[in-house]
Amino acid sequence: MATLEAQHATALPRERQLLSRRLFLRGVAGTLAGAAAGPASADTIRQLTLVRPATGEVARDVPFWWAGAPYEQGLAELDWLLRDVQAGEVHPIDLRVYYLLAMVQAQFGRRPILVTSGYRTGATNERLRRQGIDAARNSFHLRGCAVDIQMPGVAPASMAGLGLLLGLGGVGVYANFVHLDTGPRRTWKG
């Protein structure tokens, strides 16, 4: 699998909405006993290893939080990996999605997370719906606030259970993957 090109790491300059320390810590207080605590100090680094099986791309140990702030170069690389592959369009992913993924990764032994769907354009979402795939009309994927993931050796129900425990958004459990988003709390089985 190829690593992401350096040119994509800086392809998407933009402002990010910062998570306040209190908001983040309130959402995860006591849930992972320090394994995925929020940005605690200026030297805290949060990073992810994500794989996009459909394209063979790997983002290995990419930092998204560094020196007390979002790390734009790392976010751009991760946003590229979570792009709408069919449309070739990149969109900023909600920083809270990356924190959710980091908590999942921390809980399950830092295994790589396989991303089957990240951002989707409206056209891609409608194409999926026409194909009979369960894609909501107002999907959080359209806003860059959702991911569908798998993890080698971890059942989707286990990842969904962690998502429910965290209570930071929507959790959908499917036979082969779990959907996590930063929208309102809700659960479903697909």
C-alpha atoms as a PDB file:
ATOM      1  CA  MET A   1       0.000   0.000   0.000  1.00  0.00           C
ATOM      2  CA  ALA A   2       1.318   3.419  -0.922  1.00  0.00           C
ATOM      3  CA  THR A   3       1.677   6.264   1.542  1.00  0.00           C
ATOM      4  CA  LEU A   4      -0.041   9.565   0.781  1.00  0.00           C
ATOM      5  CA  GLU A   5       1.854  12.062  -1.344  1.00  0.00           C
ATOM      6  CA  ALA A   6       3.333  15.063   0.458  1.00  0.00           C
ATOM      7  CA  GLN A   7       1.539  17.414  -1.934  1.00  0.00           C
ATOM      8  CA  HIS A   8      -1.797  16.330  -0.489  1.00  0.00           C
ATOM      9  CA  ALA A   9      -0.661  17.089   3.050  1.00  0.00           C
ATOM     10  CA  THR A  10      -0.909  20.821   2.418  1.00  0.00           C
ATOM     11  CA  ALA A  11      -3.615  20.825  -0.249  1.00  0.00           C
ATOM     12  CA  LEU A  12      -6.448  22.130   1.907  1.00  0.00           C
ATOM     13  CA  PRO A  13      -5.592  25.246   3.941  1.00  0.00           C
ATOM     14  CA  ARG A  14      -8.540  26.428   6.072  1.00  0.00           C
ATOM     15  CA  GLU A  15      -9.596  27.382   9.540  1.00  0.00           C
ATOM     16  CA  ARG A  16     -10.677  24.611  11.882  1.00  0.00           C
ATOM     17  CA  GLN A  17     -13.247  24.891  14.577  1.00  0.00           C
ATOM     18  CA  LEU A  18     -11.364  24.239  17.804  1.00  0.00           C
ATOM     19  CA  LEU A  19     -12.744  21.939  20.416  1.00  0.00           C
ATOM     20  CA  SER A  20     -12.636  23.480  23.826  1.00  0.00           C
ATOM     21  CA  ARG A  21     -10.846  21.403  26.403  1.00  0.00           C
ATOM     22  CA  ARG A  22     -13.935  21.350  28.624  1.00  0.00           C
ATOM     23  CA  LEU A  23     -16.263  20.190  25.836  1.00  0.00           C
ATOM     24  CA  PHE A  24     -13.946  17.390  24.845  1.00  0.00           C
ATOM     25  CA  LEU A  25     -13.167  16.227  28.374  1.00  0.00           C
ATOM     26  CA  ARG A  26     -16.859  16.312  29.365  1.00  0.00           C
ATOM     27  CA  GLY A  27     -17.609  13.920  26.505  1.00  0.00           C
ATOM     28  CA  VAL A  28     -14.963  11.380  27.422  1.00  0.00           C
ATOM     29  CA  ALA A  29     -14.452  11.842  31.169  1.00  0.00           C
ATOM     30  CA  GLY A  30     -13.892   8.504  32.787  1.00  0.00           C
ATOM     31  CA  THR A  31     -14.610   6.446  29.679  1.00  0.00           C
ATOM     32  CA  LEU A  32     -11.163   5.350  28.636  1.00  0.00           C
ATOM     33  CA  ALA A  33      -9.151   5.928  31.821  1.00  0.00           C
ATOM     34  CA  GLY A  34      -6.637   8.210  30.175  1.00  0.00           C
ATOM     35  CA  ALA A  35      -6.063   6.160  27.022  1.00  0.00           C
ATOM     36  CA  ALA A  36      -7.557   8.892  24.862  1.00  0.00           C
ATOM     37  CA  ALA A  37      -7.677  11.957  27.053  1.00  0.00           C
ATOM     38  CA  GLY A  38      -8.216  15.294  25.360  1.00  0.00           C
ATOM     39  CA  PRO A  39      -5.522  17.819  24.600  1.00  0.00           C
ATOM     40  CA  ALA A  40      -4.021  18.088  28.085  1.00  0.00           C
ATOM     41  CA  SER A  41      -0.945  20.178  27.416  1.00  0.00           C
ATOM     42  CA  ALA A  42       0.915  22.060  24.741  1.00  0.00           C
ATOM     43  CA  ASP A  43       3.180  19.066  24.065  1.00  0.00           C
ATOM     44  CA  THR A  44       0.321  16.573  23.574  1.00  0.00           C
ATOM     45  CA  ILE A  45       0.288  14.946  20.145  1.00  0.00           C
ATOM     46  CA  ARG A  46      -2.762  13.092  18.821  1.00  0.00           C
ATOM     47  CA  GLN A  47      -2.212  10.953  15.751  1.00  0.00           C
ATOM     48  CA  LEU A  48      -3.927   8.313  13.645  1.00  0.00           C
ATOM     49  CA  THR A  49      -3.084   5.439  11.356  1.00  0.00           C
ATOM     50  CA  LEU A  50      -5.785   5.125   8.722  1.00  0.00           C
ATOM     51  CA  VAL A  51      -5.983   2.888   5.658  1.00  0.00           C
ATOM     52  CA  ARG A  52      -8.233   3.368   2.629  1.00  0.00           C
ATOM     53  CA  PRO A  53      -8.563  -0.186   1.230  1.00  0.00           C
ATOM     54  CA  ALA A  54     -10.326   0.991  -1.952  1.00  0.00           C
ATOM     55  CA  THR A  55      -7.298   3.045  -3.015  1.00  0.00           C
ATOM     56  CA  GLY A  56      -4.463   1.323  -1.144  1.00  0.00           C
ATOM     57  CA  GLU A  57      -3.541   4.592   0.601  1.00  0.00           C
ATOM     58  CA  VAL A  58      -2.120   4.643   4.113  1.00  0.00           C
ATOM     59  CA  ALA A  59      -1.776   7.560   6.519  1.00  0.00           C
ATOM     60  CA  ARG A  60       0.598   6.166   9.146  1.00  0.00           C
ATOM     61  CA  ASP A  61       0.872   7.898  12.547  1.00  0.00           C
ATOM     62  CA  VAL A  62      -0.310  11.221  11.116  1.00  0.00           C
ATOM     63  CA  PRO A  63      -0.654  13.914  13.809  1.00  0.00           C
ATOM     64  CA  PHE A  64      -3.876  15.940  13.800  1.00  0.00           C
ATOM     65  CA  TRP A  65      -3.282  17.747  17.136  1.00  0.00           C
ATOM     66  CA  TRP A  66       0.140  19.098  18.007  1.00  0.00           C
ATOM     67  CA  ALA A  67       1.516  21.747  20.365  1.00  0.00           C
ATOM     68  CA  GLY A  68      -1.894  22.567  21.802  1.00  0.00           C
ATOM     69  CA  ALA A  69      -3.675  23.181  18.488  1.00  0.00           C
ATOM     70  CA  PRO A  70      -4.984  21.429  15.382  1.00  0.00           C
ATOM     71  CA  TYR A  71      -2.069  20.451  13.152  1.00  0.00           C
ATOM     72  CA  GLU A  72      -3.088  21.659   9.692  1.00  0.00           C
ATOM     73  CA  GLN A  73      -0.593  19.632   7.667  1.00  0.00           C
ATOM     74  CA  GLY A  74      -1.715  16.400   9.330  1.00  0.00           C
ATOM     75  CA  LEU A  75      -5.383  17.345   9.025  1.00  0.00           C
ATOM     76  CA  ALA A  76      -4.929  18.005   5.301  1.00  0.00           C
ATOM     77  CA  GLU A  77      -3.369  14.552   4.839  1.00  0.00           C
ATOM     78  CA  LEU A  78      -6.179  12.869   6.776  1.00  0.00           C
ATOM     79  CA  ASP A  79      -8.837  14.915   4.948  1.00  0.00           C
ATOM     80  CA  TRP A  80      -7.321  13.722   1.658  1.00  0.00           C
ATOM     81  CA  LEU A  81      -7.596  10.101   2.762  1.00  0.00           C
ATOM     82  CA  LEU A  82     -11.240  10.632   3.797  1.00  0.00           C
ATOM     83  CA  ARG A  83     -12.133  12.403   0.530  1.00  0.00           C
ATOM     84  CA  ASP A  84     -14.971  11.339  -1.752  1.00  0.00           C
ATOM     85  CA  VAL A  85     -12.907   8.932  -3.843  1.00  0.00           C
ATOM     86  CA  GLN A  86     -15.571   8.578  -6.555  1.00  0.00           C
ATOM     87  CA  ALA A  87     -15.885  12.343  -7.081  1.00  0.00           C
ATOM     88  CA  GLY A  88     -12.244  13.131  -6.288  1.00  0.00           C
ATOM     89  CA  GLU A  89     -13.352  15.893  -3.904  1.00  0.00           C
ATOM     90  CA  VAL A  90     -11.725  16.786  -0.573  1.00  0.00           C
ATOM     91  CA  HIS A  91     -13.701  18.403   2.254  1.00  0.00           C
ATOM     92  CA  PRO A  92     -12.591  19.384   5.783  1.00  0.00           C
ATOM     93  CA  ILE A  93     -13.488  16.636   8.238  1.00  0.00           C
ATOM     94  CA  ASP A  94     -14.859  17.652  11.631  1.00  0.00           C
ATOM     95  CA  LEU A  95     -11.977  17.556  14.129  1.00  0.00           C
ATOM     96  CA  ARG A  96     -14.216  15.635  16.540  1.00  0.00           C
ATOM     97  CA  VAL A  97     -14.340  12.753  14.017  1.00  0.00           C
ATOM     98  CA  TYR A  98     -10.569  12.455  14.308  1.00  0.00           C
ATOM     99  CA  TYR A  99     -10.835  12.407  18.101  1.00  0.00           C
ATOM    100  CA  LEU A 100     -13.437   9.631  17.886  1.00  0.00           C
ATOM    101  CA  LEU A 101     -11.143   7.648  15.617  1.00  0.00           C
ATOM    102  CA  ALA A 102      -8.204   8.214  17.965  1.00  0.00           C
ATOM    103  CA  MET A 103     -10.247   6.909  20.896  1.00  0.00           C
ATOM    104  CA  VAL A 104     -11.264   3.822  18.911  1.00  0.00           C
ATOM    105  CA  GLN A 105      -7.659   3.248  17.893  1.00  0.00           C
ATOM    106  CA  ALA A 106      -6.406   3.678  21.483  1.00  0.00           C
ATOM    107  CA  GLN A 107      -9.001   1.284  22.870  1.00  0.00           C
ATOM    108  CA  PHE A 108      -8.195  -1.503  20.398  1.00  0.00           C
ATOM    109  CA  GLY A 109      -4.411  -1.612  20.605  1.00  0.00           C
ATOM    110  CA  ARG A 110      -3.469   1.041  18.018  1.00  0.00           C
ATOM    111  CA  ARG A 111      -4.484  -1.190  15.122  1.00  0.00           C
ATOM    112  CA  PRO A 112      -4.916   0.609  11.799  1.00  0.00           C
ATOM    113  CA  ILE A 113      -8.458   1.761  11.085  1.00  0.00           C
ATOM    114  CA  LEU A 114      -9.800   0.852   7.657  1.00  0.00           C
ATOM    115  CA  VAL A 115     -11.949   3.662   6.259  1.00  0.00           C
ATOM    116  CA  THR A 116     -14.636   2.530   3.842  1.00  0.00           C
ATOM    117  CA  SER A 117     -16.391   5.893   3.607  1.00  0.00           C
ATOM    118  CA  GLY A 118     -15.595   9.417   4.763  1.00  0.00           C
ATOM    119  CA  TYR A 119     -16.789  12.597   3.092  1.00  0.00           C
ATOM    120  CA  ARG A 120     -19.361  12.176   0.307  1.00  0.00           C
ATOM    121  CA  THR A 121     -20.599  14.656  -2.239  1.00  0.00           C
ATOM    122  CA  GLY A 122     -24.337  14.928  -2.807  1.00  0.00           C
ATOM    123  CA  ALA A 123     -23.945  13.220  -6.195  1.00  0.00           C
ATOM    124  CA  THR A 124     -22.104  10.257  -4.685  1.00  0.00           C
ATOM    125  CA  ASN A 125     -24.656   9.952  -1.887  1.00  0.00           C
ATOM    126  CA  GLU A 126     -27.546   9.944  -4.391  1.00  0.00           C
ATOM    127  CA  ARG A 127     -25.772   7.369  -6.576  1.00  0.00           C
ATOM    128  CA  LEU A 128     -25.447   5.102  -3.535  1.00  0.00           C
ATOM    129  CA  ARG A 129     -29.144   5.553  -2.762  1.00  0.00           C
ATOM    130  CA  ARG A 130     -30.088   4.642  -6.361  1.00  0.00           C
ATOM    131  CA  GLN A 131     -27.953   1.502  -6.019  1.00  0.00           C
ATOM    132  CA  GLY A 132     -30.025   0.490  -2.988  1.00  0.00           C
ATOM    133  CA  ILE A 133     -27.312   1.251  -0.442  1.00  0.00           C
ATOM    134  CA  ASP A 134     -28.550   2.579   2.901  1.00  0.00           C
ATOM    135  CA  ALA A 135     -27.351   6.206   2.528  1.00  0.00           C
ATOM    136  CA  ALA A 136     -29.449   8.785   4.375  1.00  0.00           C
ATOM    137  CA  ARG A 137     -30.623  11.790   2.329  1.00  0.00           C
ATOM    138  CA  ASN A 138     -29.131  14.189   4.891  1.00  0.00           C
ATOM    139  CA  SER A 139     -26.161  11.999   5.739  1.00  0.00           C
ATOM    140  CA  PHE A 140     -23.503  13.404   8.042  1.00  0.00           C
ATOM    141  CA  HIS A 141     -21.017  12.148   5.427  1.00  0.00           C
ATOM    142  CA  LEU A 142     -22.146  15.128   3.298  1.00  0.00           C
ATOM    143  CA  ARG A 143     -20.855  17.522   5.981  1.00  0.00           C
ATOM    144  CA  GLY A 144     -17.566  15.787   6.716  1.00  0.00           C
ATOM    145  CA  CYS A 145     -18.928  14.665  10.084  1.00  0.00           C
ATOM    146  CA  ALA A 146     -19.063  10.875   9.606  1.00  0.00           C
ATOM    147  CA  VAL A 147     -16.945   7.827   8.835  1.00  0.00           C
ATOM    148  CA  ASP A 148     -17.632   4.182   8.135  1.00  0.00           C
ATOM    149  CA  ILE A 149     -14.818   2.037   9.499  1.00  0.00           C
ATOM    150  CA  GLN A 150     -13.524  -1.461  10.038  1.00  0.00           C
ATOM    151  CA  MET A 151     -10.660  -2.722  12.174  1.00  0.00           C
ATOM    152  CA  PRO A 152      -8.862  -6.009  11.606  1.00  0.00           C
ATOM    153  CA  GLY A 153      -9.684  -8.435  14.407  1.00  0.00           C
ATOM    154  CA  VAL A 154     -12.352  -6.213  15.980  1.00  0.00           C
ATOM    155  CA  ALA A 155     -16.056  -6.895  15.525  1.00  0.00           C
ATOM    156  CA  PRO A 156     -18.154  -3.928  14.367  1.00  0.00           C
ATOM    157  CA  ALA A 157     -20.371  -4.461  17.418  1.00  0.00           C
ATOM    158  CA  SER A 158     -17.348  -3.891  19.700  1.00  0.00           C
ATOM    159  CA  MET A 159     -16.476  -0.608  17.987  1.00  0.00           C
ATOM    160  CA  ALA A 160     -20.141   0.411  18.073  1.00  0.00           C
ATOM    161  CA  GLY A 161     -20.232  -0.377  21.802  1.00  0.00           C
ATOM    162  CA  LEU A 162     -17.342   2.010  22.348  1.00  0.00           C
ATOM    163  CA  GLY A 163     -19.112   4.643  20.241  1.00  0.00           C
ATOM    164  CA  LEU A 164     -22.214   4.244  22.400  1.00  0.00           C
ATOM    165  CA  LEU A 165     -20.164   4.467  25.586  1.00  0.00           C
ATOM    166  CA  LEU A 166     -18.570   7.710  24.408  1.00  0.00           C
ATOM    167  CA  GLY A 167     -21.987   9.147  23.531  1.00  0.00           C
ATOM    168  CA  LEU A 168     -20.529  11.799  21.212  1.00  0.00           C
ATOM    169  CA  GLY A 169     -22.782  11.283  18.184  1.00  0.00           C
ATOM    170  CA  GLY A 170     -24.516   8.739  15.993  1.00  0.00           C
ATOM    171  CA  VAL A 171     -23.540   5.077  15.942  1.00  0.00           C
ATOM    172  CA  GLY A 172     -24.714   2.606  13.330  1.00  0.00           C
ATOM    173  CA  VAL A 173     -23.617  -1.018  13.472  1.00  0.00           C
ATOM    174  CA  TYR A 174     -23.595  -3.065  10.273  1.00  0.00           C
ATOM    175  CA  ALA A 175     -22.450  -6.618   9.530  1.00  0.00           C
ATOM    176  CA  ASN A 176     -19.003  -5.554   8.266  1.00  0.00           C
ATOM    177  CA  PHE A 177     -18.455  -1.993   9.511  1.00  0.00           C
ATOM    178  CA  VAL A 178     -19.498   0.650  12.008  1.00  0.00           C
ATOM    179  CA  HIS A 179     -20.689   4.174  11.226  1.00  0.00           C
ATOM    180  CA  LEU A 180     -19.609   6.944  13.624  1.00  0.00           C
ATOM    181  CA  ASP A 181     -20.620  10.584  13.351  1.00  0.00           C
ATOM    182  CA  THR A 182     -20.610  13.783  15.375  1.00  0.00           C
ATOM    183  CA  GLY A 183     -24.296  14.536  14.938  1.00  0.00           C
ATOM    184  CA  PRO A 184     -26.994  14.079  17.596  1.00  0.00           C
ATOM    185  CA  ARG A 185     -26.846  10.951  19.755  1.00  0.00           C
ATOM    186  CA  ARG A 186     -28.710   8.098  18.089  1.00  0.00           C
ATOM    187  CA  THR A 187     -28.167   4.446  17.289  1.00  0.00           C
ATOM    188  CA  TRP A 188     -29.329   2.041  14.622  1.00  0.00           C
ATOM    189  CA  LYS A 189     -28.592  -1.363  13.166  1.00  0.00           C
ATOM    190  CA  GLY A 190     -28.145  -1.703   9.415  1.00  0.00           C
END
